[in-house]
């Protein structure tokens, strides 16, 4: 099952390092917090490796999310 980056909003300070490191543009800082586009995120972990706040975890995508993402594609 593929992974996805998940942001801990309590830890995120909106510095933008994760956004700069994401090679597919899946992370954007909006209103001072990083947000992940689940349709773009590859779960590579590059963003997590650069987060100084340890605000990013990689988690398995749930089967429900997977089915919604790829339905009709």
PDB file of N, CA and C in Angstrom:
ATOM      1  N   UNK A   1       0.852  -1.172   0.000  1.00  0.00           N
ATOM      2  CA  UNK A   1       0.000   0.000   0.000  1.00  0.00           C
ATOM      3  C   UNK A   1       0.902   1.242   0.000  1.00  0.00           C
ATOM      4  N   UNK A   2       0.655   2.206  -0.874  1.00  0.00           N
ATOM      5  CA  UNK A   2       1.496   3.404  -0.962  1.00  0.00           C
ATOM      6  C   UNK A   2       1.418   4.276   0.289  1.00  0.00           C
ATOM      7  N   UNK A   3       2.434   5.084   0.447  1.00  0.00           N
ATOM      8  CA  UNK A   3       2.506   6.012   1.567  1.00  0.00           C
ATOM      9  C   UNK A   3       2.071   7.406   1.132  1.00  0.00           C
ATOM     10  N   UNK A   4       1.763   8.229   2.128  1.00  0.00           N
ATOM     11  CA  UNK A   4       1.400   9.624   1.888  1.00  0.00           C
ATOM     12  C   UNK A   4       1.954  10.454   3.041  1.00  0.00           C
ATOM     13  N   UNK A   5       2.377  11.675   2.739  1.00  0.00           N
ATOM     14  CA  UNK A   5       2.847  12.593   3.774  1.00  0.00           C
ATOM     15  C   UNK A   5       1.648  13.159   4.522  1.00  0.00           C
ATOM     16  N   UNK A   6       1.775  13.176   5.851  1.00  0.00           N
ATOM     17  CA  UNK A   6       0.713  13.721   6.705  1.00  0.00           C
ATOM     18  C   UNK A   6       1.353  14.777   7.600  1.00  0.00           C
ATOM     19  N   UNK A   7       0.761  15.964   7.626  1.00  0.00           N
ATOM     20  CA  UNK A   7       1.300  17.092   8.384  1.00  0.00           C
ATOM     21  C   UNK A   7       0.648  17.163   9.760  1.00  0.00           C
ATOM     22  N   UNK A   8       1.485  17.289  10.794  1.00  0.00           N
ATOM     23  CA  UNK A   8       0.992  17.569  12.136  1.00  0.00           C
ATOM     24  C   UNK A   8       0.885  19.088  12.246  1.00  0.00           C
ATOM     25  N   UNK A   9      -0.319  19.605  12.181  1.00  0.00           N
ATOM     26  CA  UNK A   9      -0.534  21.049  12.137  1.00  0.00           C
ATOM     27  C   UNK A   9      -0.107  21.743  13.438  1.00  0.00           C
ATOM     28  N   UNK A  10      -0.062  21.010  14.545  1.00  0.00           N
ATOM     29  CA  UNK A  10       0.391  21.600  15.807  1.00  0.00           C
ATOM     30  C   UNK A  10       1.894  21.861  15.788  1.00  0.00           C
ATOM     31  N   UNK A  11       2.622  21.055  15.041  1.00  0.00           N
ATOM     32  CA  UNK A  11       4.079  21.214  14.964  1.00  0.00           C
ATOM     33  C   UNK A  11       4.527  22.098  13.804  1.00  0.00           C
ATOM     34  N   UNK A  12       3.742  22.144  12.754  1.00  0.00           N
ATOM     35  CA  UNK A  12       4.115  22.891  11.549  1.00  0.00           C
ATOM     36  C   UNK A  12       4.173  24.392  11.850  1.00  0.00           C
ATOM     37  N   UNK A  13       5.282  25.019  11.436  1.00  0.00           N
ATOM     38  CA  UNK A  13       5.434  26.464  11.617  1.00  0.00           C
ATOM     39  C   UNK A  13       5.322  27.220  10.296  1.00  0.00           C
ATOM     40  N   UNK A  14       5.044  26.490   9.213  1.00  0.00           N
ATOM     41  CA  UNK A  14       4.840  27.117   7.916  1.00  0.00           C
ATOM     42  C   UNK A  14       6.092  27.688   7.286  1.00  0.00           C
ATOM     43  N   UNK A  15       7.248  27.105   7.585  1.00  0.00           N
ATOM     44  CA  UNK A  15       8.520  27.637   7.076  1.00  0.00           C
ATOM     45  C   UNK A  15       8.697  27.434   5.570  1.00  0.00           C
ATOM     46  N   UNK A  16       8.020  26.434   4.995  1.00  0.00           N
ATOM     47  CA  UNK A  16       8.075  26.213   3.554  1.00  0.00           C
ATOM     48  C   UNK A  16       9.185  25.308   3.058  1.00  0.00           C
ATOM     49  N   UNK A  17      10.019  24.785   3.964  1.00  0.00           N
ATOM     50  CA  UNK A  17      11.093  23.885   3.518  1.00  0.00           C
ATOM     51  C   UNK A  17      10.524  22.651   2.819  1.00  0.00           C
ATOM     52  N   UNK A  18       9.468  22.104   3.357  1.00  0.00           N
ATOM     53  CA  UNK A  18       8.859  20.910   2.752  1.00  0.00           C
ATOM     54  C   UNK A  18       8.324  21.225   1.355  1.00  0.00           C
ATOM     55  N   UNK A  19       7.722  22.388   1.225  1.00  0.00           N
ATOM     56  CA  UNK A  19       7.172  22.808  -0.067  1.00  0.00           C
ATOM     57  C   UNK A  19       8.277  22.908  -1.116  1.00  0.00           C
ATOM     58  N   UNK A  20       9.417  23.451  -0.722  1.00  0.00           N
ATOM     59  CA  UNK A  20      10.547  23.596  -1.642  1.00  0.00           C
ATOM     60  C   UNK A  20      11.150  22.245  -2.031  1.00  0.00           C
ATOM     61  N   UNK A  21      11.105  21.280  -1.124  1.00  0.00           N
ATOM     62  CA  UNK A  21      11.719  19.973  -1.378  1.00  0.00           C
ATOM     63  C   UNK A  21      10.835  19.033  -2.184  1.00  0.00           C
ATOM     64  N   UNK A  22       9.536  19.269  -2.185  1.00  0.00           N
ATOM     65  CA  UNK A  22       8.622  18.364  -2.888  1.00  0.00           C
ATOM     66  C   UNK A  22       8.820  18.478  -4.398  1.00  0.00           C
ATOM     67  N   UNK A  23       9.251  17.394  -5.003  1.00  0.00           N
ATOM     68  CA  UNK A  23       9.561  17.388  -6.427  1.00  0.00           C
ATOM     69  C   UNK A  23       8.326  17.348  -7.324  1.00  0.00           C
ATOM     70  N   UNK A  24       7.173  17.036  -6.742  1.00  0.00           N
ATOM     71  CA  UNK A  24       5.951  16.952  -7.552  1.00  0.00           C
ATOM     72  C   UNK A  24       4.938  18.050  -7.207  1.00  0.00           C
ATOM     73  N   UNK A  25       5.329  18.985  -6.351  1.00  0.00           N
ATOM     74  CA  UNK A  25       4.445  20.096  -6.009  1.00  0.00           C
ATOM     75  C   UNK A  25       3.225  19.696  -5.207  1.00  0.00           C
ATOM     76  N   UNK A  26       3.378  18.670  -4.366  1.00  0.00           N
ATOM     77  CA  UNK A  26       2.235  18.175  -3.596  1.00  0.00           C
ATOM     78  C   UNK A  26       2.015  18.925  -2.287  1.00  0.00           C
ATOM     79  N   UNK A  27       2.964  19.773  -1.907  1.00  0.00           N
ATOM     80  CA  UNK A  27       2.831  20.509  -0.642  1.00  0.00           C
ATOM     81  C   UNK A  27       2.790  22.002  -0.918  1.00  0.00           C
ATOM     82  N   UNK A  28       1.836  22.647  -0.294  1.00  0.00           N
ATOM     83  CA  UNK A  28       1.709  24.104  -0.364  1.00  0.00           C
ATOM     84  C   UNK A  28       1.502  24.612   1.057  1.00  0.00           C
ATOM     85  N   UNK A  29       2.113  25.755   1.371  1.00  0.00           N
ATOM     86  CA  UNK A  29       1.873  26.403   2.657  1.00  0.00           C
ATOM     87  C   UNK A  29       0.725  27.378   2.456  1.00  0.00           C
ATOM     88  N   UNK A  30      -0.352  27.134   3.192  1.00  0.00           N
ATOM     89  CA  UNK A  30      -1.563  27.949   3.087  1.00  0.00           C
ATOM     90  C   UNK A  30      -1.943  28.412   4.488  1.00  0.00           C
ATOM     91  N   UNK A  31      -2.097  29.706   4.651  1.00  0.00           N
ATOM     92  CA  UNK A  31      -2.445  30.295   5.944  1.00  0.00           C
ATOM     93  C   UNK A  31      -1.494  29.826   7.044  1.00  0.00           C
ATOM     94  N   UNK A  32      -0.207  29.764   6.713  1.00  0.00           N
ATOM     95  CA  UNK A  32       0.814  29.468   7.711  1.00  0.00           C
ATOM     96  C   UNK A  32       1.014  28.007   8.067  1.00  0.00           C
ATOM     97  N   UNK A  33       0.382  27.091   7.333  1.00  0.00           N
ATOM     98  CA  UNK A  33       0.536  25.659   7.597  1.00  0.00           C
ATOM     99  C   UNK A  33       0.698  24.906   6.284  1.00  0.00           C
ATOM    100  N   UNK A  34       1.554  23.890   6.305  1.00  0.00           N
ATOM    101  CA  UNK A  34       1.745  23.061   5.117  1.00  0.00           C
ATOM    102  C   UNK A  34       0.522  22.169   4.914  1.00  0.00           C
ATOM    103  N   UNK A  35       0.162  21.998   3.649  1.00  0.00           N
ATOM    104  CA  UNK A  35      -0.960  21.110   3.290  1.00  0.00           C
ATOM    105  C   UNK A  35      -0.516  20.212   2.155  1.00  0.00           C
ATOM    106  N   UNK A  36      -0.957  18.959   2.208  1.00  0.00           N
ATOM    107  CA  UNK A  36      -0.554  17.960   1.220  1.00  0.00           C
ATOM    108  C   UNK A  36      -1.707  17.679   0.267  1.00  0.00           C
ATOM    109  N   UNK A  37      -1.412  17.713  -1.013  1.00  0.00           N
ATOM    110  CA  UNK A  37      -2.377  17.327  -2.046  1.00  0.00           C
ATOM    111  C   UNK A  37      -2.265  15.812  -2.190  1.00  0.00           C
ATOM    112  N   UNK A  38      -3.258  15.092  -1.703  1.00  0.00           N
ATOM    113  CA  UNK A  38      -3.183  13.619  -1.700  1.00  0.00           C
ATOM    114  C   UNK A  38      -3.167  13.028  -3.101  1.00  0.00           C
ATOM    115  N   UNK A  39      -3.592  13.799  -4.083  1.00  0.00           N
ATOM    116  CA  UNK A  39      -3.584  13.303  -5.451  1.00  0.00           C
ATOM    117  C   UNK A  39      -2.209  13.404  -6.088  1.00  0.00           C
ATOM    118  N   UNK A  40      -1.361  14.281  -5.568  1.00  0.00           N
ATOM    119  CA  UNK A  40      -0.014  14.458  -6.114  1.00  0.00           C
ATOM    120  C   UNK A  40       1.065  13.749  -5.304  1.00  0.00           C
ATOM    121  N   UNK A  41       0.859  13.601  -4.010  1.00  0.00           N
ATOM    122  CA  UNK A  41       1.894  13.067  -3.117  1.00  0.00           C
ATOM    123  C   UNK A  41       2.272  11.640  -3.502  1.00  0.00           C
ATOM    124  N   UNK A  42       3.596  11.423  -3.655  1.00  0.00           N
ATOM    125  CA  UNK A  42       4.120  10.095  -3.996  1.00  0.00           C
ATOM    126  C   UNK A  42       4.578   9.321  -2.765  1.00  0.00           C
ATOM    127  N   UNK A  43       4.604   9.983  -1.616  1.00  0.00           N
ATOM    128  CA  UNK A  43       5.038   9.313  -0.393  1.00  0.00           C
ATOM    129  C   UNK A  43       6.528   9.020  -0.355  1.00  0.00           C
ATOM    130  N   UNK A  44       7.327   9.843  -1.040  1.00  0.00           N
ATOM    131  CA  UNK A  44       8.767   9.590  -1.133  1.00  0.00           C
ATOM    132  C   UNK A  44       9.517   9.934   0.152  1.00  0.00           C
ATOM    133  N   UNK A  45       8.974  10.855   0.952  1.00  0.00           N
ATOM    134  CA  UNK A  45       9.600  11.223   2.218  1.00  0.00           C
ATOM    135  C   UNK A  45      10.596  12.366   2.143  1.00  0.00           C
ATOM    136  N   UNK A  46      10.799  12.933   0.972  1.00  0.00           N
ATOM    137  CA  UNK A  46      11.742  14.042   0.833  1.00  0.00           C
ATOM    138  C   UNK A  46      11.353  15.205   1.749  1.00  0.00           C
ATOM    139  N   UNK A  47      10.095  15.524   1.814  1.00  0.00           N
ATOM    140  CA  UNK A  47       9.620  16.619   2.664  1.00  0.00           C
ATOM    141  C   UNK A  47       9.909  16.335   4.138  1.00  0.00           C
ATOM    142  N   UNK A  48       9.674  15.122   4.547  1.00  0.00           N
ATOM    143  CA  UNK A  48       9.892  14.724   5.939  1.00  0.00           C
ATOM    144  C   UNK A  48      11.358  14.881   6.326  1.00  0.00           C
ATOM    145  N   UNK A  49      12.239  14.534   5.412  1.00  0.00           N
ATOM    146  CA  UNK A  49      13.666  14.600   5.703  1.00  0.00           C
ATOM    147  C   UNK A  49      14.154  16.024   5.942  1.00  0.00           C
ATOM    148  N   UNK A  50      13.457  17.023   5.416  1.00  0.00           N
ATOM    149  CA  UNK A  50      13.887  18.411   5.565  1.00  0.00           C
ATOM    150  C   UNK A  50      13.104  19.185   6.618  1.00  0.00           C
ATOM    151  N   UNK A  51      12.077  18.574   7.185  1.00  0.00           N
ATOM    152  CA  UNK A  51      11.256  19.271   8.176  1.00  0.00           C
ATOM    153  C   UNK A  51      11.997  19.350   9.511  1.00  0.00           C
ATOM    154  N   UNK A  52      12.326  20.568   9.909  1.00  0.00           N
ATOM    155  CA  UNK A  52      13.068  20.783  11.161  1.00  0.00           C
ATOM    156  C   UNK A  52      12.184  20.653  12.387  1.00  0.00           C
ATOM    157  N   UNK A  53      10.883  20.695  12.201  1.00  0.00           N
ATOM    158  CA  UNK A  53       9.930  20.614  13.307  1.00  0.00           C
ATOM    159  C   UNK A  53       9.421  19.181  13.540  1.00  0.00           C
ATOM    160  N   UNK A  54       9.875  18.253  12.706  1.00  0.00           N
ATOM    161  CA  UNK A  54       9.358  16.872  12.755  1.00  0.00           C
ATOM    162  C   UNK A  54       7.832  16.854  12.671  1.00  0.00           C
ATOM    163  N   UNK A  55       7.301  17.680  11.781  1.00  0.00           N
ATOM    164  CA  UNK A  55       5.853  17.818  11.644  1.00  0.00           C
ATOM    165  C   UNK A  55       5.269  16.913  10.562  1.00  0.00           C
ATOM    166  N   UNK A  56       6.125  16.128   9.887  1.00  0.00           N
ATOM    167  CA  UNK A  56       5.647  15.306   8.780  1.00  0.00           C
ATOM    168  C   UNK A  56       5.913  13.834   9.057  1.00  0.00           C
ATOM    169  N   UNK A  57       4.881  13.044   8.892  1.00  0.00           N
ATOM    170  CA  UNK A  57       5.002  11.591   8.998  1.00  0.00           C
ATOM    171  C   UNK A  57       4.552  10.990   7.678  1.00  0.00           C
ATOM    172  N   UNK A  58       5.082   9.826   7.380  1.00  0.00           N
ATOM    173  CA  UNK A  58       4.581   9.075   6.232  1.00  0.00           C
ATOM    174  C   UNK A  58       3.658   8.000   6.765  1.00  0.00           C
ATOM    175  N   UNK A  59       2.464   7.955   6.224  1.00  0.00           N
ATOM    176  CA  UNK A  59       1.476   6.967   6.658  1.00  0.00           C
ATOM    177  C   UNK A  59       0.940   6.233   5.445  1.00  0.00           C
ATOM    178  N   UNK A  60       0.469   5.037   5.699  1.00  0.00           N
ATOM    179  CA  UNK A  60      -0.138   4.266   4.621  1.00  0.00           C
ATOM    180  C   UNK A  60      -1.456   4.903   4.232  1.00  0.00           C
ATOM    181  N   UNK A  61      -1.683   4.968   2.922  1.00  0.00           N
ATOM    182  CA  UNK A  61      -2.987   5.428   2.437  1.00  0.00           C
ATOM    183  C   UNK A  61      -4.005   4.354   2.778  1.00  0.00           C
ATOM    184  N   UNK A  62      -5.167   4.760   3.220  1.00  0.00           N
ATOM    185  CA  UNK A  62      -6.204   3.780   3.524  1.00  0.00           C
ATOM    186  C   UNK A  62      -6.823   3.279   2.226  1.00  0.00           C
ATOM    187  N   UNK A  63      -7.344   2.077   2.222  1.00  0.00           N
ATOM    188  CA  UNK A  63      -8.020   1.559   1.021  1.00  0.00           C
ATOM    189  C   UNK A  63      -9.173   2.448   0.565  1.00  0.00           C
ATOM    190  N   UNK A  64      -9.849   3.087   1.499  1.00  0.00           N
ATOM    191  CA  UNK A  64     -10.972   3.965   1.140  1.00  0.00           C
ATOM    192  C   UNK A  64     -10.447   5.163   0.350  1.00  0.00           C
ATOM    193  N   UNK A  65      -9.366   5.765   0.833  1.00  0.00           N
ATOM    194  CA  UNK A  65      -8.775   6.919   0.132  1.00  0.00           C
ATOM    195  C   UNK A  65      -8.286   6.468  -1.242  1.00  0.00           C
ATOM    196  N   UNK A  66      -7.638   5.324  -1.301  1.00  0.00           N
ATOM    197  CA  UNK A  66      -7.153   4.809  -2.582  1.00  0.00           C
ATOM    198  C   UNK A  66      -8.292   4.655  -3.577  1.00  0.00           C
ATOM    199  N   UNK A  67      -9.409   4.083  -3.133  1.00  0.00           N
ATOM    200  CA  UNK A  67     -10.523   3.851  -4.060  1.00  0.00           C
ATOM    201  C   UNK A  67     -11.121   5.173  -4.538  1.00  0.00           C
ATOM    202  N   UNK A  68     -11.188   6.175  -3.660  1.00  0.00           N
ATOM    203  CA  UNK A  68     -11.709   7.489  -4.055  1.00  0.00           C
ATOM    204  C   UNK A  68     -10.767   8.196  -5.002  1.00  0.00           C
ATOM    205  N   UNK A  69      -9.465   8.048  -4.775  1.00  0.00           N
ATOM    206  CA  UNK A  69      -8.474   8.733  -5.603  1.00  0.00           C
ATOM    207  C   UNK A  69      -8.489   8.253  -7.031  1.00  0.00           C
ATOM    208  N   UNK A  70      -8.603   6.968  -7.203  1.00  0.00           N
ATOM    209  CA  UNK A  70      -8.427   6.405  -8.531  1.00  0.00           C
ATOM    210  C   UNK A  70      -9.728   6.012  -9.207  1.00  0.00           C
ATOM    211  N   UNK A  71     -10.838   6.310  -8.571  1.00  0.00           N
ATOM    212  CA  UNK A  71     -12.146   6.011  -9.158  1.00  0.00           C
ATOM    213  C   UNK A  71     -12.362   6.916 -10.372  1.00  0.00           C
ATOM    214  N   UNK A  72     -12.630   6.314 -11.468  1.00  0.00           N
ATOM    215  CA  UNK A  72     -12.921   7.064 -12.669  1.00  0.00           C
ATOM    216  C   UNK A  72     -11.707   7.560 -13.432  1.00  0.00           C
ATOM    217  N   UNK A  73     -10.529   7.194 -13.011  1.00  0.00           N
ATOM    218  CA  UNK A  73      -9.308   7.626 -13.736  1.00  0.00           C
ATOM    219  C   UNK A  73      -8.969   6.661 -14.811  1.00  0.00           C
TER     220      UNK A  73
END
